[in-house]
Amino acid sequence: MEMTIVIGLALAVLVFFLFKFLTPSKTKKNLLPQPWRIPILGHMHHLIGTIPHRGVTELARKYGPLMHLQLGEVSTIVVSSPRWAKEILTTYDITFADRPETLTGEIVAYHNTDIVFSPYGEHWRHLRKICTLELLNTKKVKSFQSLREEECWSLVNEIKASGSGKPIDLSKCISILIARIVSRATFGKGIKDEVGFREIVRETVQLTGGFDIADIFPSKKVLHHLSGKRAKLTKIHNKLATLINNIISDHPGSQLSSSQESLLDVLLRHKDDAEFPLTSDTVKAVIFDMFGAGTDTSHVTIEWAISELIKCPRAMEKLQVKLREAIKGKERIQEEDIQDLMYLKNVIKETLRLHPPLPLLIPRECREPCVIDGYDIPKKTKLLVNVFAINRDPEYWKDPESFIPERFENSPINIMGSEYEYLPFGGGRRRCPGASMGLANIELPLANLLCYFNWKLPDGASHEELDMTELFGAAIQRKTRLVLVPMFQEIVDGSR
């Protein structure tokens, strides 16, 4: 990533140096605190050599929790504290309800007709309503329980069959498991080219970090071509269109009750809605949202949870004991067995606190000029909500860098803290509508992997040696694959 940024920035300087210096600069009043900047690139040079969410957090520690960054030609404000997150996502929520235009939204999301990239307006509100009332409500999430249990049990048996004591690529296993769960929920069955679909998701996530040359110079179309991003996204779009068109053409249609419908059934039913019909492109765009957002965020959270537990043997042993007691000697875990297992939920909460899948959330954009704390914020200003910093704010979290699941015991904090000190799924109107589905797709797989197996690092490595380096993208993944050695545990009467 670092070399790509350096090359891209050098290219931008070469193309726009003369243009920028011949254009008179505009004097702005009431500017937010900001680092020192250079012509053309603005503040991008402060982020070279960093993982962006960590680089932005370091800048916020120097310049404050409400800070301005000029990222190329994109004026950006960064919110890095619970206080300012609450203010922006409540008082100014509708003001910042838009999304900035991006190449990913234009090309992959069918000209921003999906839920994630769609601008605020009637179209987005209608899609959001379908999402919250039909696609991702509690009843619909519950209807997919049996397929989650089937797929998790299948993975347990696959790992068991591979033999205890042999290292396995657990990252790959988790990725495949979540893709199978999400594809069955989305399409009603597994898909033929599952590997192809997962590869598309992976490529899209890697290209949607928000800090490459096409993102910081959105109006300079020549850079979109010279950087190769437009060509890459167009290739992804063509693959995606072929895959989804084949899935839809093979779909027999549904005569099922609403509780038995797949997510695709729901969307196709709304395609012929008299009041607000969905176009074919919108159906395909939303399908990719469901699959893309549903797979990557869940599987990276499970990876980070297991990684943190490997690093903290005390918490790992405590959770495994509780899991093995909870199933009461049953052969297979069912979701009812773990629905009241608070330590499992606390492990997941703590993982999401330390490793929010979207540490800077998906950017928003100012719909109209506004004044915040005396500072003038122009229309089209980009907003980054720095959840990574918010979830680690020492004013709200004791020992914030440490993995301590017990901090959530007797705590009212759930998906969102009352003071906005905990925002793994964002907040306000553009908050992630798939939180319930995501948590369900994390809890059961994690429970199965930890209940039936003990895990250790290969070659006798100690838990302190596990590499926790991050890889930046739309969702923050581990830089290295999580390769572990499974030791199968027979469960008898809820004990090992």
Foldseek 3Di string as FASTA:
>chain_A
DLVQQVVLVVVQCVVCVVVQVVDDDDDDPQAAFEDDADPQQWCLVQCRPHQVLVSVLVRCVVRHQWYWTQGRPATATEGQALQVLVCCQPVVVVQFQFAFDALLCVQQLVHNQEQQHNTDDDSNVVNVCCLDPAAADPLLLVLLQVVLQVLLVVLLVVQVVVDFPDKDQVLVSLLLSQLQSLCCQAQVHHADPSVLLSVLLVLSQALFQQRGSCNSCVPPVVSCVVSPVNVSSNVSNVSLVVRVVVSVVPRPADPDDSSSDHNLNSLVVQCPPPPDHDDPSHSSSHSCVSSNVRRPQLSQLLVLLVLLCLLPVVLLVVLLLLLLLQVQFDPGDGPVSCVPVVSLLLSSQLSLLQFQQQQFARKTFRCAWDADPNHTDHGGRIYTYRSNSLSQPCVVDPPSNHRDSCVCVVNPDDCADPSRSRHSQRHHPSGDSNPVSSVVSNRRSSSSQSNFWDKDAPPPDGSVPDQQDWDGGSTIHRPDGDIIGTDTDNRGSSGD
